[in-house]
């Protein structure tokens, strides 16, 4: 499978969330050989979308001549697109959002009703692709933190999507926390293997991955320096 990871963290490979993403990929590789490439959003020259819709009227050609042309080609050429990012103000970091805004050339001005909502008709067939969101946050729990980012991802990619969210993710960069982070990464590898084998991850495993690694109160006390 050809996998494209777009890493939204300004920390690039040192991102807390990339520890989770690498574990997911390791699990996929246990099931089959994978071709993986990574784009660090912060390293790209991406102009902001102006909302002129020129790309949707002229076959996908944007008015900006920047790195987005190559990124769109790589998105179209992959079988699985993974967005890996830390939670910034309950959403994705700005460098990744700039890229997501610029995928507009994949759509046309034409609209169609799908269920109870309207969607733009695509200019390319992406029905075979899978989409995975992997997101970590520094809060000690998942509730009332990931919902906005997850909903946006579902609306962007209504078909074939999988969402993995992990609280307390700064612990993945703390070697002294390995006693709790390693078992969690093992669960993520299990999820990656299942995804490679079946194209999905069961809800029970996703829910287990999304639970706190240590008690919420203990984590908050560590962050607050009160222990």
Protein backbone atom coordinates (compact mmCIF):
# COMPACT_ATOMS: atom_id res chain seq x y z
CA UNK A 1 0.00 0.00 0.00
CA UNK A 2 1.19 3.51 -0.81
CA UNK A 3 0.82 5.63 2.32
CA UNK A 4 1.22 9.39 2.58
CA UNK A 5 1.55 10.92 6.04
CA UNK A 6 1.07 14.67 6.36
CA UNK A 7 2.53 15.64 9.72
CA UNK A 8 0.95 18.82 11.04
CA UNK A 9 3.24 19.26 14.03
CA UNK A 10 5.88 22.03 13.88
CA UNK A 11 8.09 19.65 15.88
CA UNK A 12 8.27 17.35 12.83
CA UNK A 13 9.74 13.95 13.78
CA UNK A 14 9.94 14.98 17.46
CA UNK A 15 6.16 15.39 17.57
CA UNK A 16 4.41 13.60 20.41
CA UNK A 17 1.75 12.47 17.93
CA UNK A 18 4.29 11.08 15.47
CA UNK A 19 5.20 8.45 18.09
CA UNK A 20 1.62 7.23 17.74
CA UNK A 21 1.67 7.43 13.96
CA UNK A 22 4.93 5.51 13.67
CA UNK A 23 3.47 2.76 15.88
CA UNK A 24 0.41 2.58 13.62
CA UNK A 25 2.66 2.22 10.56
CA UNK A 26 4.78 -0.42 12.33
CA UNK A 27 1.60 -2.41 12.88
CA UNK A 28 0.64 -2.09 9.23
CA UNK A 29 4.08 -3.37 8.26
CA UNK A 30 3.52 -6.46 10.41
CA UNK A 31 0.68 -7.36 8.05
CA UNK A 32 2.28 -6.44 4.71
CA UNK A 33 4.98 -4.38 3.06
CA UNK A 34 4.08 -0.69 2.95
CA UNK A 35 5.46 2.23 0.93
CA UNK A 36 5.47 5.20 3.29
CA UNK A 37 6.35 8.86 2.72
CA UNK A 38 6.04 11.83 5.08
CA UNK A 39 5.36 15.50 4.41
CA UNK A 40 6.11 17.88 7.26
CA UNK A 41 3.61 20.69 6.79
CA UNK A 42 5.82 23.27 8.49
CA UNK A 43 8.55 22.75 5.86
CA UNK A 44 6.27 23.48 2.89
CA UNK A 45 5.74 26.76 1.10
CA UNK A 46 1.96 26.99 1.05
CA UNK A 47 0.18 30.23 0.20
CA UNK A 48 -3.20 30.78 1.82
CA UNK A 49 -6.30 29.92 -0.19
CA UNK A 50 -8.00 33.13 -1.36
CA UNK A 51 -11.38 31.53 -2.05
CA UNK A 52 -11.33 32.66 -5.69
CA UNK A 53 -12.50 29.20 -6.87
CA UNK A 54 -10.37 29.44 -10.02
CA UNK A 55 -9.13 25.89 -9.36
CA UNK A 56 -12.68 24.54 -9.34
CA UNK A 57 -13.47 26.12 -12.71
CA UNK A 58 -10.33 25.39 -14.72
CA UNK A 59 -9.57 21.74 -14.09
CA UNK A 60 -7.74 22.09 -10.80
CA UNK A 61 -5.18 24.80 -11.62
CA UNK A 62 -4.59 27.10 -8.63
CA UNK A 63 -3.49 30.70 -8.97
CA UNK A 64 -0.62 30.02 -6.56
CA UNK A 65 2.59 28.41 -7.82
CA UNK A 66 3.96 26.83 -4.67
CA UNK A 67 4.57 23.42 -3.05
CA UNK A 68 0.88 22.54 -3.08
CA UNK A 69 0.99 21.34 -6.69
CA UNK A 70 3.35 18.54 -5.74
CA UNK A 71 1.40 17.73 -2.57
CA UNK A 72 -1.82 17.33 -4.55
CA UNK A 73 -0.05 14.91 -6.90
CA UNK A 74 1.15 12.89 -3.91
CA UNK A 75 -2.33 12.87 -2.37
CA UNK A 76 -3.82 11.63 -5.65
CA UNK A 77 -1.09 8.99 -5.94
CA UNK A 78 -1.50 7.44 -2.48
CA UNK A 79 -3.82 4.67 -1.33
CA UNK A 80 -3.97 5.86 2.28
CA UNK A 81 -3.74 9.44 3.51
CA UNK A 82 -2.85 9.88 7.18
CA UNK A 83 -3.18 13.26 8.86
CA UNK A 84 -1.01 13.21 11.98
CA UNK A 85 -1.24 16.25 14.20
CA UNK A 86 -1.37 17.53 17.78
CA UNK A 87 -4.47 19.34 18.92
CA UNK A 88 -4.05 23.12 18.66
CA UNK A 89 -6.96 25.11 20.09
CA UNK A 90 -9.21 22.06 19.57
CA UNK A 91 -8.25 21.79 15.88
CA UNK A 92 -5.27 21.18 13.60
CA UNK A 93 -2.14 23.38 13.59
CA UNK A 94 -2.06 26.26 11.09
CA UNK A 95 0.53 24.78 8.66
CA UNK A 96 -1.65 21.69 8.18
CA UNK A 97 -4.84 23.76 7.91
CA UNK A 98 -3.23 25.79 5.11
CA UNK A 99 -2.64 22.55 3.19
CA UNK A 100 -6.15 21.27 3.83
CA UNK A 101 -7.66 24.55 2.60
CA UNK A 102 -5.71 24.11 -0.63
CA UNK A 103 -7.10 20.67 -1.54
CA UNK A 104 -9.97 22.60 -3.14
CA UNK A 105 -8.63 21.81 -6.66
CA UNK A 106 -9.72 18.21 -6.12
CA UNK A 107 -13.34 19.41 -6.24
CA UNK A 108 -15.48 21.13 -8.86
CA UNK A 109 -18.09 23.87 -8.50
CA UNK A 110 -20.84 21.31 -9.17
CA UNK A 111 -22.72 20.07 -6.11
CA UNK A 112 -24.61 16.88 -5.38
CA UNK A 113 -26.79 15.82 -2.51
CA UNK A 114 -25.39 12.93 -0.47
CA UNK A 115 -27.72 11.85 2.30
CA UNK A 116 -28.94 15.01 3.99
CA UNK A 117 -26.04 17.29 2.95
CA UNK A 118 -24.55 18.69 -0.24
CA UNK A 119 -21.00 18.01 -1.38
CA UNK A 120 -18.87 19.27 -4.24
CA UNK A 121 -18.41 16.77 -7.06
CA UNK A 122 -14.78 15.67 -7.26
CA UNK A 123 -12.53 16.30 -10.24
CA UNK A 124 -10.71 13.03 -9.56
CA UNK A 125 -11.79 9.55 -8.48
CA UNK A 126 -10.65 9.09 -4.88
CA UNK A 127 -13.21 6.42 -3.95
CA UNK A 128 -10.49 3.80 -3.41
CA UNK A 129 -8.56 5.83 -0.85
CA UNK A 130 -8.54 5.39 2.90
CA UNK A 131 -8.20 8.27 5.36
CA UNK A 132 -6.80 8.10 8.88
CA UNK A 133 -6.63 10.89 11.45
CA UNK A 134 -4.17 10.41 14.30
CA UNK A 135 -4.29 13.15 16.91
CA UNK A 136 -2.77 13.57 20.35
CA UNK A 137 -3.41 16.22 22.96
CA UNK A 138 -1.85 17.39 26.20
CA UNK A 139 -5.03 17.19 28.23
CA UNK A 140 -5.61 14.19 30.51
CA UNK A 141 -8.86 13.07 28.89
CA UNK A 142 -10.54 12.83 25.49
CA UNK A 143 -14.00 14.20 26.24
CA UNK A 144 -14.69 17.76 25.08
CA UNK A 145 -11.28 18.01 23.40
CA UNK A 146 -11.12 16.07 20.11
CA UNK A 147 -14.73 16.43 18.97
CA UNK A 148 -14.29 19.48 16.72
CA UNK A 149 -11.24 18.09 14.92
CA UNK A 150 -12.87 14.68 14.50
CA UNK A 151 -16.06 16.19 13.08
CA UNK A 152 -14.09 18.28 10.59
CA UNK A 153 -12.19 15.18 9.47
CA UNK A 154 -15.43 13.23 9.00
CA UNK A 155 -16.92 16.04 6.92
CA UNK A 156 -13.80 16.31 4.77
CA UNK A 157 -13.54 12.55 4.27
CA UNK A 158 -17.04 11.10 4.74
CA UNK A 159 -16.07 7.67 3.40
CA UNK A 160 -13.41 5.19 4.49
CA UNK A 161 -12.21 7.19 7.48
CA UNK A 162 -10.65 6.06 10.75
CA UNK A 163 -9.97 8.37 13.69
CA UNK A 164 -7.52 7.65 16.51
CA UNK A 165 -7.19 10.14 19.35
CA UNK A 166 -4.88 9.87 22.35
CA UNK A 167 -4.84 12.12 25.44
CA UNK A 168 -1.74 12.69 27.61
CA UNK A 169 0.38 12.44 24.46
CA UNK A 170 3.36 14.49 25.76
CA UNK A 171 4.27 11.38 27.77
CA UNK A 172 5.40 9.70 24.52
CA UNK A 173 8.44 12.00 24.54
CA UNK A 174 9.21 11.24 28.21
CA UNK A 175 11.47 8.14 28.55
CA UNK A 176 10.52 7.80 32.22
CA UNK A 177 6.89 7.22 31.16
CA UNK A 178 7.73 4.13 29.07
CA UNK A 179 6.03 1.84 31.58
CA UNK A 180 2.67 3.26 30.45
CA UNK A 181 3.45 4.55 26.95
CA UNK A 182 4.86 1.29 25.59
CA UNK A 183 1.65 -0.69 26.29
CA UNK A 184 -0.34 2.09 24.63
CA UNK A 185 1.89 2.05 21.56
CA UNK A 186 1.46 -1.72 21.44
CA UNK A 187 -2.30 -1.17 21.16
CA UNK A 188 -1.71 1.32 18.36
CA UNK A 189 0.47 -1.22 16.52
CA UNK A 190 -2.36 -3.71 16.90
CA UNK A 191 -4.71 -1.15 15.37
CA UNK A 192 -2.34 -0.59 12.46
CA UNK A 193 -2.10 -4.31 11.78
CA UNK A 194 -5.88 -4.67 11.81
CA UNK A 195 -6.24 -1.72 9.49
CA UNK A 196 -3.77 -3.23 7.02
CA UNK A 197 -5.59 -6.54 7.14
CA UNK A 198 -9.20 -5.35 7.02
CA UNK A 199 -9.25 -1.64 6.17
CA UNK A 200 -10.81 -0.78 9.52
CA UNK A 201 -10.19 -0.79 13.28
CA UNK A 202 -12.89 -1.99 15.63
CA UNK A 203 -14.49 0.62 17.84
CA UNK A 204 -13.54 -1.16 21.07
CA UNK A 205 -9.82 -0.96 20.28
CA UNK A 206 -10.05 2.69 19.24
CA UNK A 207 -11.86 3.47 22.49
CA UNK A 208 -9.19 1.68 24.53
CA UNK A 209 -6.43 3.60 22.77
CA UNK A 210 -8.23 6.83 23.61
CA UNK A 211 -8.34 6.28 27.38
CA UNK A 212 -5.90 8.06 29.75
CA UNK A 213 -2.62 6.21 30.28
CA UNK A 214 -2.45 7.32 33.91
CA UNK A 215 -5.27 8.66 36.10
CA UNK A 216 -6.44 12.09 35.01
CA UNK A 217 -5.81 13.66 38.40
CA UNK A 218 -2.28 12.28 38.56
CA UNK A 219 -1.45 13.59 35.07
CA UNK A 220 -2.85 17.04 35.86
CA UNK A 221 -0.85 17.14 39.10
CA UNK A 222 2.37 16.29 37.22
CA UNK A 223 1.71 19.02 34.64
CA UNK A 224 0.87 21.53 37.39
CA UNK A 225 3.99 20.61 39.34
CA UNK A 226 2.04 19.69 42.45
CA UNK A 227 3.48 16.21 42.95
